[in-house]
């Protein structure tokens, strides 16, 4: 263990109660932030991979029924869940339409089915986005507040140092330096928490936005395919 490390531990042990509380609070922010970073990185990377796998499989299927049967084995894929929700909504709407009207579907019923499918797609995408976003705002909170928490600890420590100067009547470096260095540790700790949190938050936000764009594009394509499929059934 180096002399600098020993000195750092010594300053932390001998710090005042307020500075210790600030350091413990920053430690909590740091541990929680890193846990979220590891969890969300794996989750978002998995979402990208599984969505790409399902999309490749989807475009190789002969029809929607074939895609649905294969999608049921890929429920861990967010895109597969979006497709399943839309397909089941289409099936429900068609069954309801056939049950209520024994005659050939009208143009109004066609638009009702399409509207139901699009609403289902939007709901499903919203659910998947909420899953991705979960816990990510904590990183923004940590990134925004940690520097100020550290600054509070620094200011408090400097106040204690000046109080000690007033009591001792001496402003020598030997008296001032330990208190100032102890106080500045809080600012350094706050920045150490904030920097990775902000970087991770921006990265995850960008990745989630990319997935949202990908799902919106897939949703538009799927909606068009289902529209053509329903229209063929009406004409048939």
Protein backbone atom coordinates (compact mmCIF):
# COMPACT_ATOMS: atom_id res chain seq x y z
CA UNK A 1 0.00 0.00 0.00
CA UNK A 2 1.49 3.37 -1.03
CA UNK A 3 2.05 6.33 1.24
CA UNK A 4 -0.60 8.30 -0.66
CA UNK A 5 -3.19 5.56 -0.07
CA UNK A 6 -2.35 5.36 3.63
CA UNK A 7 -2.64 9.14 3.89
CA UNK A 8 -6.01 9.06 2.13
CA UNK A 9 -7.39 6.44 4.52
CA UNK A 10 -6.02 8.37 7.47
CA UNK A 11 -7.77 11.55 6.35
CA UNK A 12 -11.06 9.72 5.84
CA UNK A 13 -10.90 8.06 9.25
CA UNK A 14 -10.14 11.35 10.97
CA UNK A 15 -12.63 13.42 8.97
CA UNK A 16 -15.53 15.11 10.70
CA UNK A 17 -18.98 13.48 10.91
CA UNK A 18 -20.46 15.64 8.14
CA UNK A 19 -17.65 14.85 5.70
CA UNK A 20 -17.91 11.15 6.59
CA UNK A 21 -21.65 11.25 5.90
CA UNK A 22 -21.00 12.93 2.54
CA UNK A 23 -18.44 10.27 1.63
CA UNK A 24 -20.81 7.45 2.61
CA UNK A 25 -23.57 9.04 0.52
CA UNK A 26 -21.23 9.31 -2.46
CA UNK A 27 -20.16 5.69 -1.92
CA UNK A 28 -23.82 4.65 -2.11
CA UNK A 29 -24.25 6.64 -5.35
CA UNK A 30 -21.10 5.08 -6.78
CA UNK A 31 -21.99 1.45 -5.98
CA UNK A 32 -25.57 1.88 -7.20
CA UNK A 33 -24.50 3.67 -10.38
CA UNK A 34 -21.95 1.01 -11.32
CA UNK A 35 -24.46 -1.76 -10.62
CA UNK A 36 -26.98 -0.06 -12.92
CA UNK A 37 -24.31 0.49 -15.59
CA UNK A 38 -23.39 -3.21 -15.69
CA UNK A 39 -27.03 -4.38 -15.60
CA UNK A 40 -28.30 -2.00 -18.28
CA UNK A 41 -25.29 -2.51 -20.54
CA UNK A 42 -25.93 -6.25 -20.64
CA UNK A 43 -29.70 -5.80 -20.99
CA UNK A 44 -29.50 -3.29 -23.84
CA UNK A 45 -26.80 -5.25 -25.67
CA UNK A 46 -28.99 -8.37 -25.37
CA UNK A 47 -32.01 -6.43 -26.65
CA UNK A 48 -30.06 -5.33 -29.75
CA UNK A 49 -28.83 -8.85 -30.48
CA UNK A 50 -32.16 -10.62 -29.95
CA UNK A 51 -34.07 -7.98 -31.90
CA UNK A 52 -31.67 -8.36 -34.82
CA UNK A 53 -31.99 -12.16 -34.66
CA UNK A 54 -35.79 -12.02 -34.73
CA UNK A 55 -35.88 -9.42 -37.51
CA UNK A 56 -33.64 -11.60 -39.69
CA UNK A 57 -35.86 -14.60 -39.00
CA UNK A 58 -39.04 -12.59 -39.64
CA UNK A 59 -38.05 -11.55 -43.16
CA UNK A 60 -37.27 -15.16 -44.03
CA UNK A 61 -40.76 -16.39 -43.10
CA UNK A 62 -43.30 -17.19 -45.81
CA UNK A 63 -46.25 -15.54 -44.06
CA UNK A 64 -47.40 -14.02 -40.77
CA UNK A 65 -48.64 -17.35 -39.41
CA UNK A 66 -45.22 -18.88 -39.95
CA UNK A 67 -43.58 -15.87 -38.28
CA UNK A 68 -45.95 -16.14 -35.32
CA UNK A 69 -45.16 -19.81 -34.71
CA UNK A 70 -41.43 -19.04 -34.70
CA UNK A 71 -41.81 -15.86 -32.65
CA UNK A 72 -43.31 -17.82 -29.75
CA UNK A 73 -39.93 -19.48 -29.24
CA UNK A 74 -38.19 -16.08 -29.21
CA UNK A 75 -40.25 -14.29 -26.57
CA UNK A 76 -37.10 -12.94 -24.95
CA UNK A 77 -36.67 -10.70 -28.02
CA UNK A 78 -38.37 -7.30 -27.62
CA UNK A 79 -39.14 -7.18 -31.35
CA UNK A 80 -40.70 -10.64 -31.14
CA UNK A 81 -42.95 -9.48 -28.29
CA UNK A 82 -44.00 -6.46 -30.35
CA UNK A 83 -44.86 -8.72 -33.29
CA UNK A 84 -46.76 -11.22 -31.11
CA UNK A 85 -48.86 -8.45 -29.57
CA UNK A 86 -49.75 -7.06 -33.01
CA UNK A 87 -50.51 -10.50 -34.48
CA UNK A 88 -52.76 -11.46 -31.56
CA UNK A 89 -54.56 -8.13 -31.82
CA UNK A 90 -55.14 -8.74 -35.52
CA UNK A 91 -56.48 -12.23 -34.78
CA UNK A 92 -58.77 -10.92 -32.02
CA UNK A 93 -60.09 -8.11 -34.20
CA UNK A 94 -60.74 -10.46 -37.12
CA UNK A 95 -62.53 -13.01 -34.91
CA UNK A 96 -64.63 -10.29 -33.33
CA UNK A 97 -65.52 -8.88 -36.74
CA UNK A 98 -66.50 -12.30 -38.09
CA UNK A 99 -68.56 -13.06 -34.99
CA UNK A 100 -70.50 -9.81 -35.09
CA UNK A 101 -71.06 -9.72 -38.84
CA UNK A 102 -71.64 -12.86 -40.84
CA UNK A 103 -71.39 -10.89 -44.06
CA UNK A 104 -68.26 -9.84 -45.89
CA UNK A 105 -66.23 -7.20 -44.06
CA UNK A 106 -66.98 -3.60 -44.83
CA UNK A 107 -64.47 -0.82 -45.37
CA UNK A 108 -65.24 0.53 -41.89
CA UNK A 109 -64.35 -2.78 -40.23
CA UNK A 110 -61.11 -2.84 -42.21
CA UNK A 111 -60.04 0.53 -40.82
CA UNK A 112 -61.09 -0.53 -37.31
CA UNK A 113 -58.86 -3.61 -37.47
CA UNK A 114 -55.92 -1.59 -38.81
CA UNK A 115 -56.44 1.02 -36.09
CA UNK A 116 -56.45 -1.67 -33.40
CA UNK A 117 -53.23 -3.16 -34.76
CA UNK A 118 -51.45 0.20 -34.84
CA UNK A 119 -52.55 0.99 -31.28
CA UNK A 120 -51.28 -2.41 -30.17
CA UNK A 121 -47.93 -1.76 -31.84
CA UNK A 122 -47.60 1.63 -30.15
CA UNK A 123 -48.50 0.14 -26.75
CA UNK A 124 -46.00 -2.69 -27.16
CA UNK A 125 -43.20 -0.34 -28.17
CA UNK A 126 -44.03 1.85 -25.17
CA UNK A 127 -43.80 -1.15 -22.84
CA UNK A 128 -40.41 -2.16 -24.26
CA UNK A 129 -39.05 1.38 -24.02
CA UNK A 130 -40.14 1.60 -20.37
CA UNK A 131 -38.29 -1.64 -19.66
CA UNK A 132 -35.13 -0.25 -21.22
CA UNK A 133 -35.39 3.13 -19.49
CA UNK A 134 -35.99 1.62 -16.05
CA UNK A 135 -33.20 2.62 -13.58
CA UNK A 136 -31.42 4.77 -16.19
CA UNK A 137 -32.73 8.09 -14.74
CA UNK A 138 -30.84 7.30 -11.53
CA UNK A 139 -27.61 7.78 -13.49
CA UNK A 140 -28.73 11.28 -14.47
CA UNK A 141 -29.60 12.00 -10.83
CA UNK A 142 -26.18 10.77 -9.68
CA UNK A 143 -24.41 12.74 -12.40
CA UNK A 144 -26.23 15.95 -11.54
CA UNK A 145 -26.16 15.77 -7.74
CA UNK A 146 -22.88 14.03 -6.86
CA UNK A 147 -20.65 17.05 -7.66
CA UNK A 148 -22.81 19.29 -5.47
CA UNK A 149 -22.83 16.76 -2.64
CA UNK A 150 -19.04 16.61 -2.88
CA UNK A 151 -18.84 20.40 -2.99
CA UNK A 152 -20.97 20.60 0.15
CA UNK A 153 -18.51 18.29 1.91
CA UNK A 154 -15.63 20.44 0.71
CA UNK A 155 -17.20 23.69 1.87
CA UNK A 156 -18.04 22.18 5.24
CA UNK A 157 -14.49 20.87 5.62
CA UNK A 158 -12.98 24.25 4.72
CA UNK A 159 -15.27 25.93 7.26
CA UNK A 160 -13.93 23.54 9.88
CA UNK A 161 -10.37 24.34 8.83
CA UNK A 162 -10.90 28.09 9.20
CA UNK A 163 -12.53 27.50 12.56
CA UNK A 164 -9.44 25.55 13.63
CA UNK A 165 -7.23 28.41 12.46
CA UNK A 166 -9.24 30.83 14.56
CA UNK A 167 -9.02 28.64 17.64
CA UNK A 168 -5.30 27.90 17.31
CA UNK A 169 -4.38 31.39 16.16
CA UNK A 170 -2.01 29.92 13.59
CA UNK A 171 -2.36 29.89 9.80
CA UNK A 172 0.75 27.87 9.04
CA UNK A 173 0.75 25.29 6.27
CA UNK A 174 0.99 22.49 8.82
CA UNK A 175 -2.32 23.61 10.32
CA UNK A 176 -4.19 24.48 7.11
CA UNK A 177 -3.06 21.75 4.68
CA UNK A 178 -4.57 18.67 6.41
CA UNK A 179 -8.02 20.25 6.70
CA UNK A 180 -8.01 21.58 3.13
CA UNK A 181 -6.86 18.26 1.64
CA UNK A 182 -9.49 16.40 3.68
CA UNK A 183 -12.17 18.76 2.37
CA UNK A 184 -11.07 18.45 -1.26
CA UNK A 185 -11.42 14.66 -1.15
CA UNK A 186 -15.20 15.14 -1.10
CA UNK A 187 -15.11 17.13 -4.34
CA UNK A 188 -12.87 14.54 -5.99
CA UNK A 189 -15.22 11.76 -4.86
CA UNK A 190 -18.23 13.65 -6.21
CA UNK A 191 -16.59 14.00 -9.61
CA UNK A 192 -15.54 10.34 -9.57
CA UNK A 193 -19.21 9.40 -9.16
CA UNK A 194 -20.60 11.95 -11.62
CA UNK A 195 -18.30 11.43 -14.62
CA UNK A 196 -19.01 7.72 -15.30
CA UNK A 197 -22.69 8.23 -14.47
CA UNK A 198 -23.11 11.01 -17.04
CA UNK A 199 -21.16 9.10 -19.69
CA UNK A 200 -23.25 5.96 -19.11
CA UNK A 201 -26.51 7.92 -19.08
CA UNK A 202 -25.74 9.55 -22.43
CA UNK A 203 -24.65 6.22 -23.92
CA UNK A 204 -27.77 4.37 -22.75
CA UNK A 205 -30.04 7.19 -23.88
CA UNK A 206 -28.48 7.04 -27.34
CA UNK A 207 -28.82 3.23 -27.51
CA UNK A 208 -32.44 3.33 -26.35
CA UNK A 209 -33.22 6.01 -28.92
CA UNK A 210 -31.66 3.80 -31.62
CA UNK A 211 -33.79 0.83 -30.54
CA UNK A 212 -36.91 2.99 -30.49
CA UNK A 213 -36.16 4.15 -34.04
CA UNK A 214 -35.58 0.56 -35.12
CA UNK A 215 -38.89 -0.58 -33.59
CA UNK A 216 -40.80 2.31 -35.13
CA UNK A 217 -39.44 1.36 -38.55
CA UNK A 218 -40.29 -2.31 -38.01
CA UNK A 219 -43.74 -1.33 -36.75
CA UNK A 220 -44.43 0.62 -39.94
CA UNK A 221 -43.30 -2.31 -42.10
CA UNK A 222 -45.34 -4.82 -40.09
CA UNK A 223 -48.41 -2.59 -40.21
CA UNK A 224 -48.15 -2.38 -44.00
CA UNK A 225 -47.80 -6.16 -44.31
CA UNK A 226 -50.83 -6.74 -42.10
CA UNK A 227 -52.86 -4.18 -44.03
CA UNK A 228 -52.15 -5.97 -47.29
CA UNK A 229 -52.91 -9.34 -45.69
CA UNK A 230 -56.27 -8.16 -44.35
CA UNK A 231 -57.14 -6.47 -47.64
CA UNK A 232 -56.48 -9.71 -49.54
CA UNK A 233 -58.76 -11.58 -47.15
CA UNK A 234 -61.51 -9.00 -47.68
CA UNK A 235 -61.20 -9.20 -51.45
CA UNK A 236 -61.09 -12.98 -51.29
